[in-house]
Amino acid sequence: MSRVKRGVTKRKRRKKIIKQAKGFKWGRKAKFRLAKDALRHAWTYAYRDRRAKKREFRQLWNIKINAICRENGISYSQFINAIKKSNVIIDRKILSQLAEFHPDIFKKIINEVKTK
């Protein structure tokens, strides 16, 4: 069996980790062991927060919808229930954008839903 020298492979692997840790503070940007540990934590947080981001935006949309609904004399839960019963197919993201940027259109939707 022939001898395998791993110097090139090892250096390439380490350089890749160090490159990914660019911008980290102190030794975590230059020392392999610290960079590896910092990246492991960073990847964990990134994975977790990609999911948390979706929850946070949905909460924000609900808050915006609730605010304009209450201005027009209907609660959020009553509005959502009425929308579902009247078969209006608009998701919360679009409803919140309408509430924020086009409140007159949103008021028309509320009136339409209230009459049904």
PDB file of N, CA and C in Angstrom:
ATOM      1  N   MET A   1       0.852  -1.188   0.000  1.00  0.00           N
ATOM      2  CA  MET A   1       0.000   0.000   0.000  1.00  0.00           C
ATOM      3  C   MET A   1       0.891   1.242   0.000  1.00  0.00           C
ATOM      4  N   SER A   2       0.576   2.173  -0.850  1.00  0.00           N
ATOM      5  CA  SER A   2       1.403   3.378  -0.954  1.00  0.00           C
ATOM      6  C   SER A   2       0.986   4.417   0.084  1.00  0.00           C
ATOM      7  N   ARG A   3       1.924   5.279   0.381  1.00  0.00           N
ATOM      8  CA  ARG A   3       1.696   6.315   1.388  1.00  0.00           C
ATOM      9  C   ARG A   3       0.915   7.477   0.767  1.00  0.00           C
ATOM     10  N   VAL A   4      -0.078   7.978   1.529  1.00  0.00           N
ATOM     11  CA  VAL A   4      -0.877   9.102   1.063  1.00  0.00           C
ATOM     12  C   VAL A   4      -0.568  10.309   1.944  1.00  0.00           C
ATOM     13  N   LYS A   5      -0.107  11.361   1.314  1.00  0.00           N
ATOM     14  CA  LYS A   5       0.170  12.597   2.054  1.00  0.00           C
ATOM     15  C   LYS A   5      -1.038  13.513   1.900  1.00  0.00           C
ATOM     16  N   ARG A   6      -1.548  13.993   3.004  1.00  0.00           N
ATOM     17  CA  ARG A   6      -2.802  14.742   2.998  1.00  0.00           C
ATOM     18  C   ARG A   6      -2.626  16.249   3.188  1.00  0.00           C
ATOM     19  N   GLY A   7      -1.437  16.732   3.051  1.00  0.00           N
ATOM     20  CA  GLY A   7      -1.171  18.140   3.317  1.00  0.00           C
ATOM     21  C   GLY A   7      -2.018  19.083   2.471  1.00  0.00           C
ATOM     22  N   VAL A   8      -2.096  18.822   1.176  1.00  0.00           N
ATOM     23  CA  VAL A   8      -2.842  19.697   0.268  1.00  0.00           C
ATOM     24  C   VAL A   8      -4.339  19.662   0.589  1.00  0.00           C
ATOM     25  N   THR A   9      -4.857  18.465   0.792  1.00  0.00           N
ATOM     26  CA  THR A   9      -6.282  18.291   1.084  1.00  0.00           C
ATOM     27  C   THR A   9      -6.653  18.961   2.405  1.00  0.00           C
ATOM     28  N   LYS A  10      -5.784  18.753   3.408  1.00  0.00           N
ATOM     29  CA  LYS A  10      -6.035  19.310   4.734  1.00  0.00           C
ATOM     30  C   LYS A  10      -6.033  20.840   4.677  1.00  0.00           C
ATOM     31  N   ARG A  11      -5.059  21.399   3.982  1.00  0.00           N
ATOM     32  CA  ARG A  11      -4.962  22.860   3.868  1.00  0.00           C
ATOM     33  C   ARG A  11      -6.179  23.427   3.119  1.00  0.00           C
ATOM     34  N   LYS A  12      -6.603  22.730   2.078  1.00  0.00           N
ATOM     35  CA  LYS A  12      -7.754  23.189   1.295  1.00  0.00           C
ATOM     36  C   LYS A  12      -9.017  23.206   2.153  1.00  0.00           C
ATOM     37  N   ARG A  13      -9.205  22.162   2.959  1.00  0.00           N
ATOM     38  CA  ARG A  13     -10.371  22.060   3.841  1.00  0.00           C
ATOM     39  C   ARG A  13     -10.362  23.174   4.883  1.00  0.00           C
ATOM     40  N   ARG A  14      -9.189  23.411   5.466  1.00  0.00           N
ATOM     41  CA  ARG A  14      -9.072  24.444   6.489  1.00  0.00           C
ATOM     42  C   ARG A  14      -9.250  25.842   5.909  1.00  0.00           C
ATOM     43  N   LYS A  15      -8.686  26.063   4.740  1.00  0.00           N
ATOM     44  CA  LYS A  15      -8.814  27.378   4.096  1.00  0.00           C
ATOM     45  C   LYS A  15     -10.284  27.684   3.775  1.00  0.00           C
ATOM     46  N   LYS A  16     -11.033  26.638   3.398  1.00  0.00           N
ATOM     47  CA  LYS A  16     -12.457  26.811   3.093  1.00  0.00           C
ATOM     48  C   LYS A  16     -13.221  27.279   4.342  1.00  0.00           C
ATOM     49  N   ILE A  17     -12.913  26.669   5.489  1.00  0.00           N
ATOM     50  CA  ILE A  17     -13.563  27.048   6.745  1.00  0.00           C
ATOM     51  C   ILE A  17     -13.186  28.478   7.129  1.00  0.00           C
ATOM     52  N   ILE A  18     -11.899  28.794   7.023  1.00  0.00           N
ATOM     53  CA  ILE A  18     -11.426  30.138   7.361  1.00  0.00           C
ATOM     54  C   ILE A  18     -12.083  31.177   6.452  1.00  0.00           C
ATOM     55  N   LYS A  19     -12.238  30.853   5.176  1.00  0.00           N
ATOM     56  CA  LYS A  19     -12.859  31.774   4.235  1.00  0.00           C
ATOM     57  C   LYS A  19     -14.323  32.029   4.609  1.00  0.00           C
ATOM     58  N   GLN A  20     -15.014  30.987   5.059  1.00  0.00           N
ATOM     59  CA  GLN A  20     -16.411  31.146   5.451  1.00  0.00           C
ATOM     60  C   GLN A  20     -16.561  31.971   6.723  1.00  0.00           C
ATOM     61  N   ALA A  21     -15.497  32.015   7.552  1.00  0.00           N
ATOM     62  CA  ALA A  21     -15.529  32.760   8.815  1.00  0.00           C
ATOM     63  C   ALA A  21     -15.069  34.208   8.637  1.00  0.00           C
ATOM     64  N   LYS A  22     -14.947  34.651   7.409  1.00  0.00           N
ATOM     65  CA  LYS A  22     -14.519  36.022   7.139  1.00  0.00           C
ATOM     66  C   LYS A  22     -15.502  37.004   7.775  1.00  0.00           C
ATOM     67  N   GLY A  23     -14.967  37.987   8.456  1.00  0.00           N
ATOM     68  CA  GLY A  23     -15.805  38.987   9.092  1.00  0.00           C
ATOM     69  C   GLY A  23     -16.096  38.707  10.549  1.00  0.00           C
ATOM     70  N   PHE A  24     -15.712  37.537  11.052  1.00  0.00           N
ATOM     71  CA  PHE A  24     -15.896  37.233  12.463  1.00  0.00           C
ATOM     72  C   PHE A  24     -14.865  38.012  13.274  1.00  0.00           C
ATOM     73  N   LYS A  25     -15.130  38.191  14.559  1.00  0.00           N
ATOM     74  CA  LYS A  25     -14.228  38.960  15.416  1.00  0.00           C
ATOM     75  C   LYS A  25     -13.133  38.074  16.001  1.00  0.00           C
ATOM     76  N   TRP A  26     -12.041  38.740  16.373  1.00  0.00           N
ATOM     77  CA  TRP A  26     -10.928  38.149  17.104  1.00  0.00           C
ATOM     78  C   TRP A  26     -10.350  36.929  16.384  1.00  0.00           C
ATOM     79  N   GLY A  27     -10.041  35.861  17.119  1.00  0.00           N
ATOM     80  CA  GLY A  27      -9.361  34.723  16.512  1.00  0.00           C
ATOM     81  C   GLY A  27     -10.278  33.845  15.680  1.00  0.00           C
ATOM     82  N   ARG A  28     -11.569  34.089  15.781  1.00  0.00           N
ATOM     83  CA  ARG A  28     -12.513  33.212  15.070  1.00  0.00           C
ATOM     84  C   ARG A  28     -12.438  33.378  13.563  1.00  0.00           C
ATOM     85  N   LYS A  29     -11.795  34.434  13.097  1.00  0.00           N
ATOM     86  CA  LYS A  29     -11.663  34.622  11.657  1.00  0.00           C
ATOM     87  C   LYS A  29     -10.373  34.025  11.113  1.00  0.00           C
ATOM     88  N   ALA A  30      -9.442  33.654  12.006  1.00  0.00           N
ATOM     89  CA  ALA A  30      -8.127  33.225  11.533  1.00  0.00           C
ATOM     90  C   ALA A  30      -7.709  31.852  12.037  1.00  0.00           C
ATOM     91  N   LYS A  31      -8.197  31.449  13.189  1.00  0.00           N
ATOM     92  CA  LYS A  31      -7.770  30.174  13.785  1.00  0.00           C
ATOM     93  C   LYS A  31      -8.800  29.100  13.456  1.00  0.00           C
ATOM     94  N   PHE A  32      -8.319  28.009  12.919  1.00  0.00           N
ATOM     95  CA  PHE A  32      -9.213  26.973  12.399  1.00  0.00           C
ATOM     96  C   PHE A  32     -10.172  26.446  13.457  1.00  0.00           C
ATOM     97  N   ARG A  33      -9.658  26.106  14.625  1.00  0.00           N
ATOM     98  CA  ARG A  33     -10.498  25.498  15.651  1.00  0.00           C
ATOM     99  C   ARG A  33     -11.600  26.473  16.093  1.00  0.00           C
ATOM    100  N   LEU A  34     -11.241  27.715  16.292  1.00  0.00           N
ATOM    101  CA  LEU A  34     -12.233  28.717  16.707  1.00  0.00           C
ATOM    102  C   LEU A  34     -13.214  29.026  15.578  1.00  0.00           C
ATOM    103  N   ALA A  35     -12.700  29.076  14.360  1.00  0.00           N
ATOM    104  CA  ALA A  35     -13.566  29.348  13.208  1.00  0.00           C
ATOM    105  C   ALA A  35     -14.581  28.231  13.016  1.00  0.00           C
ATOM    106  N   LYS A  36     -14.122  27.002  13.168  1.00  0.00           N
ATOM    107  CA  LYS A  36     -15.003  25.832  13.003  1.00  0.00           C
ATOM    108  C   LYS A  36     -16.137  25.878  14.030  1.00  0.00           C
ATOM    109  N   ASP A  37     -15.802  26.197  15.271  1.00  0.00           N
ATOM    110  CA  ASP A  37     -16.812  26.257  16.328  1.00  0.00           C
ATOM    111  C   ASP A  37     -17.786  27.414  16.092  1.00  0.00           C
ATOM    112  N   ALA A  38     -17.239  28.577  15.698  1.00  0.00           N
ATOM    113  CA  ALA A  38     -18.081  29.744  15.446  1.00  0.00           C
ATOM    114  C   ALA A  38     -19.039  29.485  14.287  1.00  0.00           C
ATOM    115  N   LEU A  39     -18.546  28.832  13.245  1.00  0.00           N
ATOM    116  CA  LEU A  39     -19.395  28.526  12.086  1.00  0.00           C
ATOM    117  C   LEU A  39     -20.491  27.526  12.444  1.00  0.00           C
ATOM    118  N   ARG A  40     -20.150  26.565  13.285  1.00  0.00           N
ATOM    119  CA  ARG A  40     -21.161  25.584  13.702  1.00  0.00           C
ATOM    120  C   ARG A  40     -22.313  26.295  14.403  1.00  0.00           C
ATOM    121  N   HIS A  41     -21.993  27.248  15.278  1.00  0.00           N
ATOM    122  CA  HIS A  41     -23.041  28.007  15.951  1.00  0.00           C
ATOM    123  C   HIS A  41     -23.793  28.894  14.955  1.00  0.00           C
ATOM    124  N   ALA A  42     -23.045  29.540  14.064  1.00  0.00           N
ATOM    125  CA  ALA A  42     -23.667  30.435  13.088  1.00  0.00           C
ATOM    126  C   ALA A  42     -24.655  29.687  12.201  1.00  0.00           C
ATOM    127  N   TRP A  43     -24.275  28.499  11.752  1.00  0.00           N
ATOM    128  CA  TRP A  43     -25.159  27.709  10.888  1.00  0.00           C
ATOM    129  C   TRP A  43     -26.403  27.263  11.646  1.00  0.00           C
ATOM    130  N   THR A  44     -26.242  26.956  12.929  1.00  0.00           N
ATOM    131  CA  THR A  44     -27.391  26.562  13.748  1.00  0.00           C
ATOM    132  C   THR A  44     -28.377  27.717  13.867  1.00  0.00           C
ATOM    133  N   TYR A  45     -27.850  28.911  14.165  1.00  0.00           N
ATOM    134  CA  TYR A  45     -28.714  30.081  14.299  1.00  0.00           C
ATOM    135  C   TYR A  45     -29.378  30.427  12.963  1.00  0.00           C
ATOM    136  N   ALA A  46     -28.628  30.303  11.882  1.00  0.00           N
ATOM    137  CA  ALA A  46     -29.173  30.631  10.567  1.00  0.00           C
ATOM    138  C   ALA A  46     -30.334  29.697  10.215  1.00  0.00           C
ATOM    139  N   TYR A  47     -30.160  28.409  10.492  1.00  0.00           N
ATOM    140  CA  TYR A  47     -31.216  27.420  10.214  1.00  0.00           C
ATOM    141  C   TYR A  47     -32.454  27.734  11.046  1.00  0.00           C
ATOM    142  N   ARG A  48     -32.232  27.977  12.338  1.00  0.00           N
ATOM    143  CA  ARG A  48     -33.348  28.267  13.248  1.00  0.00           C
ATOM    144  C   ARG A  48     -34.088  29.532  12.827  1.00  0.00           C
ATOM    145  N   ASP A  49     -33.324  30.577  12.500  1.00  0.00           N
ATOM    146  CA  ASP A  49     -33.939  31.870  12.245  1.00  0.00           C
ATOM    147  C   ASP A  49     -34.576  31.978  10.869  1.00  0.00           C
ATOM    148  N   ARG A  50     -34.211  31.099   9.951  1.00  0.00           N
ATOM    149  CA  ARG A  50     -34.942  31.070   8.675  1.00  0.00           C
ATOM    150  C   ARG A  50     -36.386  30.653   8.913  1.00  0.00           C
ATOM    151  N   ARG A  51     -36.596  29.821   9.914  1.00  0.00           N
ATOM    152  CA  ARG A  51     -37.964  29.413  10.252  1.00  0.00           C
ATOM    153  C   ARG A  51     -38.653  30.462  11.117  1.00  0.00           C
ATOM    154  N   ALA A  52     -37.904  31.058  12.050  1.00  0.00           N
ATOM    155  CA  ALA A  52     -38.470  32.076  12.942  1.00  0.00           C
ATOM    156  C   ALA A  52     -38.910  33.305  12.147  1.00  0.00           C
ATOM    157  N   LYS A  53     -38.188  33.616  11.081  1.00  0.00           N
ATOM    158  CA  LYS A  53     -38.507  34.771  10.240  1.00  0.00           C
ATOM    159  C   LYS A  53     -39.933  34.673   9.702  1.00  0.00           C
ATOM    160  N   LYS A  54     -40.325  33.485   9.301  1.00  0.00           N
ATOM    161  CA  LYS A  54     -41.665  33.276   8.752  1.00  0.00           C
ATOM    162  C   LYS A  54     -42.731  33.535   9.823  1.00  0.00           C
ATOM    163  N   ARG A  55     -42.455  33.071  11.051  1.00  0.00           N
ATOM    164  CA  ARG A  55     -43.396  33.300  12.151  1.00  0.00           C
ATOM    165  C   ARG A  55     -43.520  34.783  12.468  1.00  0.00           C
ATOM    166  N   GLU A  56     -42.368  35.467  12.503  1.00  0.00           N
ATOM    167  CA  GLU A  56     -42.365  36.884  12.860  1.00  0.00           C
ATOM    168  C   GLU A  56     -43.112  37.728  11.831  1.00  0.00           C
ATOM    169  N   PHE A  57     -42.930  37.403  10.553  1.00  0.00           N
ATOM    170  CA  PHE A  57     -43.629  38.177   9.526  1.00  0.00           C
ATOM    171  C   PHE A  57     -45.131  37.934   9.585  1.00  0.00           C
ATOM    172  N   ARG A  58     -45.548  36.697   9.837  1.00  0.00           N
ATOM    173  CA  ARG A  58     -46.979  36.418   9.942  1.00  0.00           C
ATOM    174  C   ARG A  58     -47.586  37.182  11.118  1.00  0.00           C
ATOM    175  N   GLN A  59     -46.855  37.251  12.247  1.00  0.00           N
ATOM    176  CA  GLN A  59     -47.333  38.025  13.393  1.00  0.00           C
ATOM    177  C   GLN A  59     -47.475  39.500  13.033  1.00  0.00           C
ATOM    178  N   LEU A  60     -46.499  40.019  12.312  1.00  0.00           N
ATOM    179  CA  LEU A  60     -46.539  41.421  11.901  1.00  0.00           C
ATOM    180  C   LEU A  60     -47.731  41.701  10.993  1.00  0.00           C
ATOM    181  N   TRP A  61     -47.975  40.782  10.044  1.00  0.00           N
ATOM    182  CA  TRP A  61     -49.127  40.947   9.156  1.00  0.00           C
ATOM    183  C   TRP A  61     -50.423  40.974   9.953  1.00  0.00           C
ATOM    184  N   ASN A  62     -50.537  40.064  10.929  1.00  0.00           N
ATOM    185  CA  ASN A  62     -51.745  40.000  11.745  1.00  0.00           C
ATOM    186  C   ASN A  62     -51.960  41.289  12.529  1.00  0.00           C
ATOM    187  N   ILE A  63     -50.876  41.867  13.045  1.00  0.00           N
ATOM    188  CA  ILE A  63     -50.968  43.108  13.805  1.00  0.00           C
ATOM    189  C   ILE A  63     -51.463  44.252  12.917  1.00  0.00           C
ATOM    190  N   LYS A  64     -50.925  44.335  11.697  1.00  0.00           N
ATOM    191  CA  LYS A  64     -51.333  45.398  10.771  1.00  0.00           C
ATOM    192  C   LYS A  64     -52.808  45.266  10.391  1.00  0.00           C
ATOM    193  N   ILE A  65     -53.222  44.022  10.126  1.00  0.00           N
ATOM    194  CA  ILE A  65     -54.629  43.781   9.761  1.00  0.00           C
ATOM    195  C   ILE A  65     -55.541  44.129  10.934  1.00  0.00           C
ATOM    196  N   ASN A  66     -55.153  43.707  12.134  1.00  0.00           N
ATOM    197  CA  ASN A  66     -55.947  43.962  13.329  1.00  0.00           C
ATOM    198  C   ASN A  66     -56.119  45.464  13.562  1.00  0.00           C
ATOM    199  N   ALA A  67     -55.038  46.224  13.375  1.00  0.00           N
ATOM    200  CA  ALA A  67     -55.095  47.670  13.628  1.00  0.00           C
ATOM    201  C   ALA A  67     -56.125  48.352  12.742  1.00  0.00           C
ATOM    202  N   ILE A  68     -56.108  48.056  11.453  1.00  0.00           N
ATOM    203  CA  ILE A  68     -57.051  48.730  10.549  1.00  0.00           C
ATOM    204  C   ILE A  68     -58.472  48.180  10.711  1.00  0.00           C
ATOM    205  N   CYS A  69     -58.579  46.911  11.100  1.00  0.00           N
ATOM    206  CA  CYS A  69     -59.914  46.348  11.342  1.00  0.00           C
ATOM    207  C   CYS A  69     -60.584  47.051  12.516  1.00  0.00           C
ATOM    208  N   ARG A  70     -59.825  47.266  13.573  1.00  0.00           N
ATOM    209  CA  ARG A  70     -60.393  47.916  14.769  1.00  0.00           C
ATOM    210  C   ARG A  70     -60.771  49.370  14.488  1.00  0.00           C
ATOM    211  N   GLU A  71     -60.024  50.026  13.603  1.00  0.00           N
ATOM    212  CA  GLU A  71     -60.391  51.386  13.202  1.00  0.00           C
ATOM    213  C   GLU A  71     -61.754  51.401  12.510  1.00  0.00           C
ATOM    214  N   ASN A  72     -62.080  50.277  11.854  1.00  0.00           N
ATOM    215  CA  ASN A  72     -63.327  50.190  11.103  1.00  0.00           C
ATOM    216  C   ASN A  72     -64.410  49.411  11.845  1.00  0.00           C
ATOM    217  N   GLY A  73     -64.226  49.213  13.145  1.00  0.00           N
ATOM    218  CA  GLY A  73     -65.279  48.658  13.992  1.00  0.00           C
ATOM    219  C   GLY A  73     -65.485  47.159  13.887  1.00  0.00           C
ATOM    220  N   ILE A  74     -64.440  46.414  13.626  1.00  0.00           N
ATOM    221  CA  ILE A  74     -64.541  44.952  13.587  1.00  0.00           C
ATOM    222  C   ILE A  74     -63.234  44.387  14.148  1.00  0.00           C
ATOM    223  N   SER A  75     -63.338  43.284  14.879  1.00  0.00           N
ATOM    224  CA  SER A  75     -62.117  42.693  15.433  1.00  0.00           C
ATOM    225  C   SER A  75     -61.433  41.821  14.370  1.00  0.00           C
ATOM    226  N   TYR A  76     -60.187  41.518  14.625  1.00  0.00           N
ATOM    227  CA  TYR A  76     -59.408  40.709  13.682  1.00  0.00           C
ATOM    228  C   TYR A  76     -60.050  39.342  13.470  1.00  0.00           C
ATOM    229  N   SER A  77     -60.426  38.698  14.570  1.00  0.00           N
ATOM    230  CA  SER A  77     -60.974  37.342  14.464  1.00  0.00           C
ATOM    231  C   SER A  77     -62.308  37.338  13.707  1.00  0.00           C
ATOM    232  N   GLN A  78     -63.131  38.349  13.947  1.00  0.00           N
ATOM    233  CA  GLN A  78     -64.404  38.450  13.230  1.00  0.00           C
ATOM    234  C   GLN A  78     -64.160  38.689  11.737  1.00  0.00           C
ATOM    235  N   PHE A  79     -63.168  39.520  11.437  1.00  0.00           N
ATOM    236  CA  PHE A  79     -62.832  39.823  10.041  1.00  0.00           C
ATOM    237  C   PHE A  79     -62.348  38.573   9.307  1.00  0.00           C
ATOM    238  N   ILE A  80     -61.420  37.838   9.914  1.00  0.00           N
ATOM    239  CA  ILE A  80     -60.871  36.632   9.281  1.00  0.00           C
ATOM    240  C   ILE A  80     -61.972  35.586   9.096  1.00  0.00           C
ATOM    241  N   ASN A  81     -62.824  35.453  10.113  1.00  0.00           N
ATOM    242  CA  ASN A  81     -63.932  34.506  10.016  1.00  0.00           C
ATOM    243  C   ASN A  81     -64.874  34.894   8.887  1.00  0.00           C
ATOM    244  N   ALA A  82     -65.198  36.180   8.778  1.00  0.00           N
ATOM    245  CA  ALA A  82     -66.099  36.661   7.727  1.00  0.00           C
ATOM    246  C   ALA A  82     -65.475  36.478   6.347  1.00  0.00           C
ATOM    247  N   ILE A  83     -64.172  36.705   6.239  1.00  0.00           N
ATOM    248  CA  ILE A  83     -63.478  36.532   4.950  1.00  0.00           C
ATOM    249  C   ILE A  83     -63.552  35.075   4.497  1.00  0.00           C
ATOM    250  N   LYS A  84     -63.338  34.158   5.451  1.00  0.00           N
ATOM    251  CA  LYS A  84     -63.372  32.739   5.097  1.00  0.00           C
ATOM    252  C   LYS A  84     -64.786  32.310   4.679  1.00  0.00           C
ATOM    253  N   LYS A  85     -65.791  32.841   5.375  1.00  0.00           N
ATOM    254  CA  LYS A  85     -67.167  32.479   5.048  1.00  0.00           C
ATOM    255  C   LYS A  85     -67.606  33.048   3.706  1.00  0.00           C
ATOM    256  N   SER A  86     -67.082  34.217   3.349  1.00  0.00           N
ATOM    257  CA  SER A  86     -67.481  34.834   2.083  1.00  0.00           C
ATOM    258  C   SER A  86     -66.593  34.406   0.913  1.00  0.00           C
ATOM    259  N   ASN A  87     -65.698  33.456   1.153  1.00  0.00           N
ATOM    260  CA  ASN A  87     -64.820  32.883   0.120  1.00  0.00           C
ATOM    261  C   ASN A  87     -63.946  33.917  -0.597  1.00  0.00           C
ATOM    262  N   VAL A  88     -63.468  34.908   0.149  1.00  0.00           N
ATOM    263  CA  VAL A  88     -62.493  35.859  -0.395  1.00  0.00           C
ATOM    264  C   VAL A  88     -61.121  35.225  -0.194  1.00  0.00           C
ATOM    265  N   ILE A  89     -60.425  34.979  -1.291  1.00  0.00           N
ATOM    266  CA  ILE A  89     -59.150  34.273  -1.198  1.00  0.00           C
ATOM    267  C   ILE A  89     -58.011  35.291  -1.336  1.00  0.00           C
ATOM    268  N   ILE A  90     -57.701  35.951  -0.215  1.00  0.00           N
ATOM    269  CA  ILE A  90     -56.557  36.859  -0.145  1.00  0.00           C
ATOM    270  C   ILE A  90     -55.779  36.467   1.110  1.00  0.00           C
ATOM    271  N   ASP A  91     -54.488  36.233   0.953  1.00  0.00           N
ATOM    272  CA  ASP A  91     -53.711  35.823   2.124  1.00  0.00           C
ATOM    273  C   ASP A  91     -53.369  37.022   3.001  1.00  0.00           C
ATOM    274  N   ARG A  92     -52.848  36.736   4.189  1.00  0.00           N
ATOM    275  CA  ARG A  92     -52.590  37.777   5.184  1.00  0.00           C
ATOM    276  C   ARG A  92     -51.517  38.761   4.730  1.00  0.00           C
ATOM    277  N   LYS A  93     -50.562  38.287   3.959  1.00  0.00           N
ATOM    278  CA  LYS A  93     -49.504  39.182   3.471  1.00  0.00           C
ATOM    279  C   LYS A  93     -50.106  40.282   2.600  1.00  0.00           C
ATOM    280  N   ILE A  94     -50.945  39.894   1.665  1.00  0.00           N
ATOM    281  CA  ILE A  94     -51.569  40.861   0.764  1.00  0.00           C
ATOM    282  C   ILE A  94     -52.524  41.765   1.541  1.00  0.00           C
ATOM    283  N   LEU A  95     -53.269  41.184   2.475  1.00  0.00           N
ATOM    284  CA  LEU A  95     -54.187  41.993   3.284  1.00  0.00           C
ATOM    285  C   LEU A  95     -53.432  43.051   4.083  1.00  0.00           C
ATOM    286  N   SER A  96     -52.274  42.677   4.636  1.00  0.00           N
ATOM    287  CA  SER A  96     -51.504  43.651   5.420  1.00  0.00           C
ATOM    288  C   SER A  96     -50.928  44.746   4.528  1.00  0.00           C
ATOM    289  N   GLN A  97     -50.532  44.390   3.317  1.00  0.00           N
ATOM    290  CA  GLN A  97     -50.035  45.407   2.382  1.00  0.00           C
ATOM    291  C   GLN A  97     -51.162  46.363   1.978  1.00  0.00           C
ATOM    292  N   LEU A  98     -52.341  45.809   1.760  1.00  0.00           N
ATOM    293  CA  LEU A  98     -53.494  46.662   1.458  1.00  0.00           C
ATOM    294  C   LEU A  98     -53.804  47.582   2.636  1.00  0.00           C
ATOM    295  N   ALA A  99     -53.738  47.028   3.846  1.00  0.00           N
ATOM    296  CA  ALA A  99     -54.023  47.822   5.045  1.00  0.00           C
ATOM    297  C   ALA A  99     -53.027  48.952   5.208  1.00  0.00           C
ATOM    298  N   GLU A 100     -51.769  48.692   4.875  1.00  0.00           N
ATOM    299  CA  GLU A 100     -50.726  49.688   5.077  1.00  0.00           C
ATOM    300  C   GLU A 100     -50.689  50.745   3.970  1.00  0.00           C
ATOM    301  N   PHE A 101     -50.769  50.301   2.725  1.00  0.00           N
ATOM    302  CA  PHE A 101     -50.540  51.207   1.602  1.00  0.00           C
ATOM    303  C   PHE A 101     -51.820  51.660   0.888  1.00  0.00           C
ATOM    304  N   HIS A 102     -52.897  50.869   0.986  1.00  0.00           N
ATOM    305  CA  HIS A 102     -54.158  51.205   0.314  1.00  0.00           C
ATOM    306  C   HIS A 102     -55.335  51.001   1.277  1.00  0.00           C
ATOM    307  N   PRO A 103     -55.428  51.828   2.312  1.00  0.00           N
ATOM    308  CA  PRO A 103     -56.487  51.608   3.308  1.00  0.00           C
ATOM    309  C   PRO A 103     -57.905  51.754   2.749  1.00  0.00           C
ATOM    310  N   ASP A 104     -58.071  52.556   1.689  1.00  0.00           N
ATOM    311  CA  ASP A 104     -59.412  52.716   1.107  1.00  0.00           C
ATOM    312  C   ASP A 104     -59.893  51.402   0.486  1.00  0.00           C
ATOM    313  N   ILE A 105     -59.004  50.681  -0.174  1.00  0.00           N
ATOM    314  CA  ILE A 105     -59.357  49.376  -0.752  1.00  0.00           C
ATOM    315  C   ILE A 105     -59.672  48.386   0.369  1.00  0.00           C
ATOM    316  N   PHE A 106     -58.881  48.444   1.436  1.00  0.00           N
ATOM    317  CA  PHE A 106     -59.107  47.542   2.570  1.00  0.00           C
ATOM    318  C   PHE A 106     -60.473  47.811   3.210  1.00  0.00           C
ATOM    319  N   LYS A 107     -60.856  49.089   3.299  1.00  0.00           N
ATOM    320  CA  LYS A 107     -62.167  49.441   3.856  1.00  0.00           C
ATOM    321  C   LYS A 107     -63.294  48.876   3.001  1.00  0.00           C
ATOM    322  N   LYS A 108     -63.087  48.881   1.668  1.00  0.00           N
ATOM    323  CA  LYS A 108     -64.086  48.292   0.774  1.00  0.00           C
ATOM    324  C   LYS A 108     -64.220  46.792   1.026  1.00  0.00           C
ATOM    325  N   ILE A 109     -63.088  46.129   1.266  1.00  0.00           N
ATOM    326  CA  ILE A 109     -63.121  44.685   1.569  1.00  0.00           C
ATOM    327  C   ILE A 109     -63.874  44.452   2.869  1.00  0.00           C
ATOM    328  N   ILE A 110     -63.593  45.293   3.883  1.00  0.00           N
ATOM    329  CA  ILE A 110     -64.291  45.143   5.169  1.00  0.00           C
ATOM    330  C   ILE A 110     -65.799  45.337   4.993  1.00  0.00           C
ATOM    331  N   ASN A 111     -66.191  46.348   4.250  1.00  0.00           N
ATOM    332  CA  ASN A 111     -67.626  46.600   4.013  1.00  0.00           C
ATOM    333  C   ASN A 111     -68.266  45.452   3.240  1.00  0.00           C
ATOM    334  N   GLU A 112     -67.546  44.941   2.251  1.00  0.00           N
ATOM    335  CA  GLU A 112     -68.054  43.797   1.477  1.00  0.00           C
ATOM    336  C   GLU A 112     -68.264  42.571   2.353  1.00  0.00           C
ATOM    337  N   VAL A 113     -67.312  42.340   3.240  1.00  0.00           N
ATOM    338  CA  VAL A 113     -67.381  41.182   4.134  1.00  0.00           C
ATOM    339  C   VAL A 113     -68.478  41.376   5.186  1.00  0.00           C
ATOM    340  N   LYS A 114     -68.632  42.595   5.669  1.00  0.00           N
ATOM    341  CA  LYS A 114     -69.663  42.885   6.693  1.00  0.00           C
ATOM    342  C   LYS A 114     -71.060  42.675   6.146  1.00  0.00           C
ATOM    343  N   THR A 115     -71.288  43.044   4.884  1.00  0.00           N
ATOM    344  CA  THR A 115     -72.635  42.911   4.312  1.00  0.00           C
ATOM    345  C   THR A 115     -73.026  41.443   4.105  1.00  0.00           C
ATOM    346  N   LYS A 116     -72.023  40.611   3.831  1.00  0.00           N
ATOM    347  CA  LYS A 116     -72.326  39.183   3.655  1.00  0.00           C
ATOM    348  C   LYS A 116     -72.390  38.547   4.995  1.00  0.00           C
TER     349      LYS A 116
END
